[in-house]
Amino acid sequence: MHAINIISGISMIGVLIGTAALIILLSVFNGLEKTILAMYSNFSPEIRIQAKVGKTFNPDTPYLKLLQKDKTILSYAEVLQDKVVVKYGERTFIATMMGVSGGFLNNPGLDSTIMDGSFSLHAGDIPAAVIGITVKYMLSIDIRNAAAPLQIFGPKRGNVISINPADEFIPGYITPVGVFQVQPEFDGMVITPIEFARQIFDEPNRVSYINLNYTKGTNLNKVQADIQEKLGHQYVVKSRSQQNTALYKTLNFEKWAIFMILAFVIVIAAFNIIGSLTMLVIEKRKDIAILTSLGANKQLIQGIFFVEGMMISLIGCAVGILLGYAVCILQQYYGLVKVNANIAVANNAYPIDIRSGDFVLVFVTVLAISLLASAISARLSIKGLDDIKQDL
């Protein structure tokens, strides 16, 4: 009897720990996802318009001019983007130059990405650049040395063949005034005013993208569908998740992979209940026979062991949910576990985002596993019942 109680307790603790771990890890993945996507949102707009065919398109259309006047739009930015060669002193680096219109600066999250200097596209009346931290390190750029501007070379349009390679590029000079850090795919960028980019790329009026950010509460799915319908099939209108498909898929895959692994741990813990209840059935064989002699039917016997199995599982699940929630709250307010990574989070602590849907998902998962384990245990309780009665 003592051994049975120990095994039942171990089963309950297994369910408890597995449930708590699920709650904690799902909340951590939610926090990391929220933090990473917030970083990407500084450069990935809520809605992006681009040409379906080709790298650029003409933004001077009646509908796009009318769209600029939409009062729900927080920022409307024209973007001209391509690869350039950046030279600083004797060093060179191939970077992505993103020329942006003034609406790009309406994003309030840009200042949070600045590591040095300021996020400004003009130094007085002179065009200025904001560079990614990769560009800074690769070229050893000192943004405080105004006498040493960046020299940028953009490829000339058309088929240019010359003995002198320099003739195949359009040069330009611009002063860096800030350094930003977001994610590796953005940190190799040089952001300039779109007018400067038009000179370098020899593109007087075309753009690569139009970036749109909307006021809070706007139905972005409806907006995306409406813009796509108005523009037609010559354009592609992408949401933020569609712009970063690989990122979203990776985050979701990692989250659900962890969920499946921990759910399997709970399966193992829950099926320990079968072992403990099987031992209890063996221990109570005579008691079961006596109950049936007094009029208890098989359904009643099964119900007794089914309820006991569910009690072990659900008590473990309930305590595990409370424990997981408590740990998440402590991490959220006190930052007990630190991040050993190069991402910007408050107090260098693992970010936590508690979502009610995760609690429902975990409870339903544990409930389903418990129902299966308890049902198997209950069926074992009446196996060979007639033989037991004969022996008695």
Protein backbone atom coordinates (compact mmCIF):
# COMPACT_ATOMS: atom_id res chain seq x y z
CA MET A 1 0.00 0.00 0.00
CA HIS A 2 2.88 2.32 0.82
CA ALA A 3 4.55 1.60 -2.55
CA ILE A 4 1.28 2.31 -4.41
CA ASN A 5 0.97 5.71 -2.71
CA ILE A 6 4.57 6.57 -3.61
CA ILE A 7 4.03 5.62 -7.28
CA SER A 8 0.80 7.64 -7.40
CA GLY A 9 2.62 10.61 -5.88
CA ILE A 10 5.42 10.34 -8.42
CA SER A 11 2.84 10.25 -11.22
CA MET A 12 1.16 13.36 -9.84
CA ILE A 13 4.51 15.19 -9.54
CA GLY A 14 5.38 14.19 -13.11
CA VAL A 15 2.14 15.70 -14.41
CA LEU A 16 2.69 18.77 -12.19
CA ILE A 17 6.22 19.42 -13.45
CA GLY A 18 5.30 18.77 -17.08
CA THR A 19 2.32 21.12 -16.87
CA ALA A 20 4.34 23.87 -15.18
CA ALA A 21 7.14 23.49 -17.75
CA LEU A 22 4.62 23.81 -20.60
CA ILE A 23 3.15 27.01 -19.17
CA ILE A 24 6.59 28.53 -18.53
CA LEU A 25 8.13 27.65 -21.89
CA LEU A 26 5.09 28.69 -23.91
CA SER A 27 5.13 32.04 -22.10
CA VAL A 28 8.87 32.43 -22.73
CA PHE A 29 8.45 31.67 -26.44
CA ASN A 30 5.57 34.15 -26.56
CA GLY A 31 7.83 36.77 -24.96
CA LEU A 32 10.72 36.08 -27.33
CA GLU A 33 8.38 36.15 -30.31
CA LYS A 34 6.90 39.46 -29.17
CA THR A 35 10.35 40.97 -28.57
CA ILE A 36 11.84 39.82 -31.89
CA LEU A 37 8.81 40.88 -33.90
CA ALA A 38 8.84 44.27 -32.15
CA MET A 39 12.45 44.70 -33.34
CA TYR A 40 11.50 43.73 -36.88
CA SER A 41 8.52 46.09 -36.81
CA ASN A 42 10.90 49.06 -36.81
CA PHE A 43 11.89 48.21 -40.38
CA SER A 44 9.08 45.89 -41.45
CA PRO A 45 5.91 47.95 -41.96
CA GLU A 46 2.42 46.66 -41.22
CA ILE A 47 1.60 46.79 -44.94
CA ARG A 48 4.08 46.81 -47.83
CA ILE A 49 3.24 47.50 -51.49
CA GLN A 50 5.64 46.27 -54.16
CA ALA A 51 5.63 45.42 -57.85
CA LYS A 52 4.68 41.86 -58.77
CA VAL A 53 7.23 41.88 -61.59
CA GLY A 54 10.45 43.89 -61.50
CA LYS A 55 12.33 45.64 -58.71
CA THR A 56 10.70 49.08 -58.92
CA PHE A 57 7.43 50.77 -59.89
CA ASN A 58 6.05 54.27 -60.38
CA PRO A 59 4.24 55.51 -57.23
CA ASP A 60 2.62 58.47 -59.00
CA THR A 61 -0.75 56.81 -59.58
CA PRO A 62 -4.13 58.36 -58.67
CA TYR A 63 -4.96 55.65 -56.13
CA LEU A 64 -1.60 55.85 -54.31
CA LYS A 65 -1.84 59.65 -54.16
CA LEU A 66 -5.31 59.27 -52.66
CA LEU A 67 -4.03 56.64 -50.22
CA GLN A 68 -1.56 59.14 -48.75
CA LYS A 69 -4.52 61.20 -47.50
CA ASP A 70 -6.02 58.29 -45.53
CA LYS A 71 -6.38 59.53 -41.94
CA THR A 72 -5.85 56.04 -40.48
CA ILE A 73 -2.31 55.90 -41.90
CA LEU A 74 0.34 56.68 -39.30
CA SER A 75 3.22 56.69 -41.77
CA TYR A 76 3.47 56.53 -45.56
CA ALA A 77 7.05 55.99 -46.73
CA GLU A 78 8.45 55.54 -50.21
CA VAL A 79 11.51 53.27 -50.25
CA LEU A 80 14.18 52.85 -52.92
CA GLN A 81 16.49 49.96 -52.05
CA ASP A 82 19.43 48.17 -53.70
CA LYS A 83 22.97 46.97 -53.12
CA VAL A 84 25.84 49.49 -53.03
CA VAL A 85 29.57 49.52 -52.37
CA VAL A 86 30.43 51.60 -49.31
CA LYS A 87 33.97 52.93 -48.89
CA TYR A 88 35.36 54.53 -45.75
CA GLY A 89 39.05 55.33 -45.74
CA GLU A 90 40.78 52.37 -47.34
CA ARG A 91 38.08 49.84 -46.47
CA THR A 92 35.09 48.78 -48.60
CA PHE A 93 31.91 46.86 -47.81
CA ILE A 94 28.93 45.72 -49.90
CA ALA A 95 25.83 46.97 -48.11
CA THR A 96 22.14 47.46 -48.80
CA MET A 97 21.21 51.12 -49.13
CA MET A 98 17.64 52.02 -48.29
CA GLY A 99 16.57 55.47 -49.38
CA VAL A 100 13.41 56.53 -47.53
CA SER A 101 11.04 59.45 -47.63
CA GLY A 102 10.28 61.56 -44.57
CA GLY A 103 7.30 59.43 -43.51
CA PHE A 104 9.70 56.64 -42.52
CA LEU A 105 10.73 58.65 -39.44
CA ASN A 106 7.15 58.64 -38.10
CA ASN A 107 7.80 55.18 -36.62
CA PRO A 108 8.21 55.83 -32.85
CA GLY A 109 10.27 52.66 -32.38
CA LEU A 110 13.24 53.82 -34.45
CA ASP A 111 14.94 55.64 -31.58
CA SER A 112 15.04 52.42 -29.54
CA THR A 113 17.30 50.84 -32.19
CA ILE A 114 19.98 53.55 -32.00
CA MET A 115 23.29 52.45 -30.46
CA ASP A 116 25.18 55.67 -31.12
CA GLY A 117 24.28 59.10 -32.48
CA SER A 118 20.72 59.83 -33.62
CA PHE A 119 18.22 58.54 -36.17
CA SER A 120 18.24 61.53 -38.48
CA LEU A 121 18.35 61.77 -42.26
CA HIS A 122 19.63 65.34 -42.38
CA ALA A 123 22.40 67.25 -40.66
CA GLY A 124 21.05 70.73 -41.12
CA ASP A 125 20.34 71.01 -44.83
CA ILE A 126 22.82 68.27 -45.76
CA PRO A 127 21.66 64.65 -46.34
CA ALA A 128 22.85 62.26 -43.62
CA ALA A 129 22.91 58.49 -43.21
CA VAL A 130 22.12 56.07 -40.40
CA ILE A 131 24.19 52.90 -40.64
CA GLY A 132 23.76 49.39 -39.27
CA ILE A 133 26.18 48.18 -36.65
CA THR A 134 27.64 45.62 -39.09
CA VAL A 135 28.57 48.42 -41.48
CA LYS A 136 30.17 50.36 -38.63
CA TYR A 137 32.35 47.45 -37.51
CA MET A 138 33.33 46.30 -40.99
CA LEU A 139 34.50 49.78 -41.98
CA SER A 140 35.56 51.05 -38.51
CA ILE A 141 33.40 54.15 -38.95
CA ASP A 142 33.63 57.04 -36.51
CA ILE A 143 30.36 58.95 -36.78
CA ARG A 144 31.83 61.85 -34.77
CA ASN A 145 34.40 62.54 -37.46
CA ALA A 146 32.36 64.77 -39.77
CA ALA A 147 35.42 65.31 -41.98
CA ALA A 148 35.36 61.65 -43.09
CA PRO A 149 32.08 60.94 -44.94
CA LEU A 150 31.03 57.66 -46.48
CA GLN A 151 31.70 57.21 -50.17
CA ILE A 152 28.89 55.21 -51.78
CA PHE A 153 28.92 53.66 -55.25
CA GLY A 154 25.69 52.60 -56.93
CA PRO A 155 25.56 50.57 -60.16
CA LYS A 156 24.69 52.51 -63.30
CA ARG A 157 21.48 51.54 -65.06
CA GLY A 158 21.70 49.70 -68.37
CA ASN A 159 24.58 47.72 -69.83
CA VAL A 160 27.67 49.73 -69.01
CA ILE A 161 30.94 48.24 -70.25
CA SER A 162 34.14 50.15 -69.59
CA ILE A 163 37.83 49.49 -69.25
CA ASN A 164 37.76 51.50 -66.03
CA PRO A 165 35.49 49.71 -63.45
CA ALA A 166 34.81 53.05 -61.75
CA ASP A 167 32.86 54.16 -64.81
CA GLU A 168 30.25 51.47 -64.08
CA PHE A 169 29.25 53.11 -60.78
CA ILE A 170 27.67 56.39 -59.68
CA PRO A 171 29.56 57.80 -56.67
CA GLY A 172 28.21 59.91 -53.85
CA TYR A 173 29.27 61.20 -50.44
CA ILE A 174 27.16 61.24 -47.28
CA THR A 175 27.89 61.78 -43.59
CA PRO A 176 26.86 59.08 -41.06
CA VAL A 177 25.14 60.51 -37.98
CA GLY A 178 23.83 57.38 -36.24
CA VAL A 179 24.34 53.65 -35.74
CA PHE A 180 21.42 51.25 -35.26
CA GLN A 181 21.14 47.59 -34.31
CA VAL A 182 18.09 45.43 -34.98
CA GLN A 183 18.77 41.98 -36.46
CA PRO A 184 21.62 40.70 -38.71
CA GLU A 185 19.57 41.04 -41.90
CA PHE A 186 19.03 44.75 -41.22
CA ASP A 187 22.36 45.58 -39.56
CA GLY A 188 24.16 45.63 -42.93
CA MET A 189 22.03 48.53 -44.18
CA VAL A 190 22.71 52.19 -44.84
CA ILE A 191 19.58 54.35 -44.53
CA THR A 192 19.58 57.64 -46.42
CA PRO A 193 17.06 60.20 -47.70
CA ILE A 194 15.33 58.93 -50.83
CA GLU A 195 16.61 61.93 -52.80
CA PHE A 196 20.20 60.79 -52.23
CA ALA A 197 19.30 57.22 -53.21
CA ARG A 198 17.69 58.49 -56.43
CA GLN A 199 21.01 60.11 -57.40
CA ILE A 200 23.04 57.00 -56.62
CA PHE A 201 20.67 54.60 -58.38
CA ASP A 202 19.77 57.03 -61.18
CA GLU A 203 16.05 56.49 -60.49
CA PRO A 204 14.28 59.87 -60.78
CA ASN A 205 10.77 58.76 -59.81
CA ARG A 206 10.45 55.00 -59.23
CA VAL A 207 10.45 53.20 -55.85
CA SER A 208 11.08 49.66 -54.60
CA TYR A 209 8.35 49.65 -51.95
CA ILE A 210 5.71 51.75 -50.26
CA ASN A 211 5.64 51.11 -46.52
CA LEU A 212 2.43 51.76 -44.61
CA ASN A 213 1.83 51.81 -40.86
CA TYR A 214 -1.64 52.37 -39.46
CA THR A 215 -3.08 53.76 -36.26
CA LYS A 216 -3.87 51.35 -33.45
CA GLY A 217 -7.12 49.45 -33.85
CA THR A 218 -7.12 49.41 -37.66
CA ASN A 219 -8.30 46.15 -39.22
CA LEU A 220 -5.12 45.36 -41.17
CA ASN A 221 -6.53 42.28 -42.90
CA LYS A 222 -9.37 44.33 -44.33
CA VAL A 223 -7.00 47.14 -45.30
CA GLN A 224 -4.63 44.70 -47.04
CA ALA A 225 -7.44 43.09 -49.02
CA ASP A 226 -8.90 46.47 -49.97
CA ILE A 227 -5.57 47.86 -51.22
CA GLN A 228 -4.85 44.67 -53.18
CA GLU A 229 -8.26 44.88 -54.83
CA LYS A 230 -7.83 48.55 -55.75
CA LEU A 231 -4.27 48.15 -57.10
CA GLY A 232 -4.92 44.99 -59.09
CA HIS A 233 -2.66 42.08 -60.00
CA GLN A 234 0.32 44.19 -61.05
CA TYR A 235 1.15 44.79 -57.39
CA VAL A 236 1.69 42.60 -54.34
CA VAL A 237 0.42 43.82 -50.97
CA LYS A 238 2.09 42.02 -48.05
CA SER A 239 1.36 41.98 -44.34
CA ARG A 240 4.20 41.99 -41.81
CA SER A 241 4.10 38.20 -41.42
CA GLN A 242 4.23 37.73 -45.21
CA GLN A 243 7.30 39.99 -45.42
CA ASN A 244 9.11 37.77 -42.87
CA THR A 245 7.67 34.35 -43.71
CA ALA A 246 10.81 32.41 -42.71
CA LEU A 247 11.00 34.17 -39.34
CA TYR A 248 7.37 33.47 -38.44
CA LYS A 249 7.65 29.84 -39.54
CA THR A 250 10.81 29.36 -37.49
CA LEU A 251 9.29 30.88 -34.34
CA ASN A 252 6.14 28.78 -34.65
CA PHE A 253 8.06 25.59 -35.42
CA GLU A 254 10.30 26.00 -32.37
CA LYS A 255 7.36 26.77 -30.11
CA TRP A 256 5.27 23.79 -31.19
CA ALA A 257 8.26 21.45 -31.26
CA ILE A 258 8.90 22.24 -27.59
CA PHE A 259 5.19 21.83 -26.87
CA MET A 260 5.12 18.36 -28.44
CA ILE A 261 8.25 17.26 -26.55
CA LEU A 262 6.85 18.36 -23.20
CA ALA A 263 3.43 16.92 -24.02
CA PHE A 264 5.19 13.57 -24.55
CA VAL A 265 6.77 13.95 -21.10
CA ILE A 266 3.28 14.43 -19.66
CA VAL A 267 2.13 11.32 -21.56
CA ILE A 268 4.87 9.31 -19.85
CA ALA A 269 3.96 10.77 -16.44
CA ALA A 270 0.24 10.19 -16.99
CA PHE A 271 0.76 6.59 -18.05
CA ASN A 272 2.59 5.96 -14.80
CA ILE A 273 -0.90 6.30 -13.38
CA ILE A 274 -1.78 3.07 -15.22
CA GLY A 275 1.02 1.31 -13.36
CA SER A 276 -0.02 2.60 -9.95
CA LEU A 277 -3.72 1.86 -10.53
CA THR A 278 -2.88 -1.61 -11.86
CA MET A 279 -1.02 -2.32 -8.62
CA LEU A 280 -3.98 -0.95 -6.69
CA VAL A 281 -6.33 -3.27 -8.61
CA ILE A 282 -4.12 -6.23 -7.65
CA GLU A 283 -4.13 -5.07 -4.02
CA LYS A 284 -7.92 -4.63 -3.97
CA ARG A 285 -8.95 -7.77 -5.88
CA LYS A 286 -10.87 -9.19 -2.93
CA ASP A 287 -12.48 -5.84 -2.15
CA ILE A 288 -13.62 -5.56 -5.77
CA ALA A 289 -15.14 -9.07 -5.59
CA ILE A 290 -16.96 -8.21 -2.37
CA LEU A 291 -18.37 -5.01 -3.91
CA THR A 292 -19.70 -6.94 -6.89
CA SER A 293 -21.25 -9.54 -4.54
CA LEU A 294 -23.04 -6.69 -2.76
CA GLY A 295 -24.53 -5.55 -6.07
CA ALA A 296 -21.93 -3.22 -7.58
CA ASN A 297 -21.87 -3.55 -11.35
CA LYS A 298 -18.85 -3.30 -13.63
CA GLN A 299 -19.59 0.34 -14.50
CA LEU A 300 -19.38 1.31 -10.81
CA ILE A 301 -16.07 -0.50 -10.36
CA GLN A 302 -14.66 1.11 -13.49
CA GLY A 303 -15.92 4.51 -12.34
CA ILE A 304 -14.08 4.24 -9.00
CA PHE A 305 -10.70 3.67 -10.64
CA PHE A 306 -11.42 6.14 -13.46
CA VAL A 307 -12.18 8.91 -10.94
CA GLU A 308 -9.04 8.08 -8.95
CA GLY A 309 -6.89 8.30 -12.09
CA MET A 310 -8.49 11.62 -13.06
CA MET A 311 -7.98 13.00 -9.54
CA ILE A 312 -4.26 12.18 -9.65
CA SER A 313 -3.89 13.82 -13.07
CA LEU A 314 -6.06 16.89 -12.56
CA ILE A 315 -4.64 17.73 -9.14
CA GLY A 316 -1.16 17.58 -10.68
CA CYS A 317 -2.37 19.68 -13.64
CA ALA A 318 -4.03 22.33 -11.42
CA VAL A 319 -1.01 22.70 -9.14
CA GLY A 320 1.30 22.72 -12.18
CA ILE A 321 -0.66 25.53 -13.84
CA LEU A 322 -0.53 27.59 -10.63
CA LEU A 323 3.19 26.91 -10.22
CA GLY A 324 3.90 27.80 -13.86
CA TYR A 325 1.89 31.02 -13.55
CA ALA A 326 3.72 31.97 -10.34
CA VAL A 327 7.14 31.42 -11.97
CA CYS A 328 6.08 33.51 -14.99
CA ILE A 329 4.93 36.36 -12.74
CA LEU A 330 8.22 36.27 -10.79
CA GLN A 331 10.22 36.30 -14.03
CA GLN A 332 8.11 39.14 -15.41
CA TYR A 333 8.62 41.40 -12.41
CA TYR A 334 12.03 40.37 -11.06
CA GLY A 335 13.88 38.96 -14.11
CA LEU A 336 15.23 35.91 -12.30
CA VAL A 337 16.70 34.27 -15.43
CA LYS A 338 18.90 36.41 -17.67
CA VAL A 339 19.29 36.24 -21.43
CA ASN A 340 22.72 35.25 -22.68
CA ALA A 341 22.10 36.68 -26.14
CA ASN A 342 22.55 39.86 -28.10
CA ILE A 343 18.95 41.05 -28.11
CA ALA A 344 17.53 44.12 -26.47
CA VAL A 345 15.26 43.12 -23.59
CA ALA A 346 14.48 44.83 -20.31
CA ASN A 347 17.06 44.06 -17.59
CA ASN A 348 18.59 41.41 -19.89
CA ALA A 349 15.93 39.01 -18.57
CA TYR A 350 14.05 36.41 -20.58
CA PRO A 351 10.87 38.14 -21.76
CA ILE A 352 7.55 36.66 -20.66
CA ASP A 353 4.19 37.06 -22.36
CA ILE A 354 1.38 35.29 -20.47
CA ARG A 355 -1.57 34.38 -22.70
CA SER A 356 -4.80 32.86 -21.45
CA GLY A 357 -5.03 30.65 -24.54
CA ASP A 358 -1.89 28.78 -23.44
CA PHE A 359 -3.51 27.84 -20.13
CA VAL A 360 -6.57 26.50 -21.94
CA LEU A 361 -4.38 24.57 -24.40
CA VAL A 362 -2.27 23.00 -21.65
CA PHE A 363 -5.32 22.07 -19.58
CA VAL A 364 -7.09 20.48 -22.56
CA THR A 365 -3.91 18.58 -23.49
CA VAL A 366 -3.42 17.19 -19.97
CA LEU A 367 -7.15 16.44 -19.71
CA ALA A 368 -7.10 14.42 -22.96
CA ILE A 369 -4.02 12.45 -21.86
CA SER A 370 -5.54 11.86 -18.42
CA LEU A 371 -8.83 10.64 -19.86
CA LEU A 372 -7.00 8.07 -21.98
CA ALA A 373 -4.76 6.86 -19.14
CA SER A 374 -7.63 6.68 -16.65
CA ALA A 375 -9.87 4.86 -19.12
CA ILE A 376 -7.20 2.19 -19.67
CA SER A 377 -6.75 1.81 -15.90
CA ALA A 378 -10.49 1.53 -15.37
CA ARG A 379 -10.80 -1.25 -17.95
CA LEU A 380 -8.04 -3.20 -16.18
CA SER A 381 -10.00 -3.03 -12.92
CA ILE A 382 -12.72 -5.40 -14.20
CA LYS A 383 -10.45 -7.70 -16.16
CA GLY A 384 -10.79 -11.24 -14.82
CA LEU A 385 -13.49 -10.15 -12.37
CA ASP A 386 -15.40 -13.45 -12.69
CA ASP A 387 -12.27 -15.45 -11.81
CA ILE A 388 -11.75 -13.26 -8.74
CA LYS A 389 -15.31 -13.93 -7.53
CA GLN A 390 -14.84 -17.67 -7.98
CA ASP A 391 -11.60 -17.63 -5.99
CA LEU A 392 -13.35 -15.67 -3.23
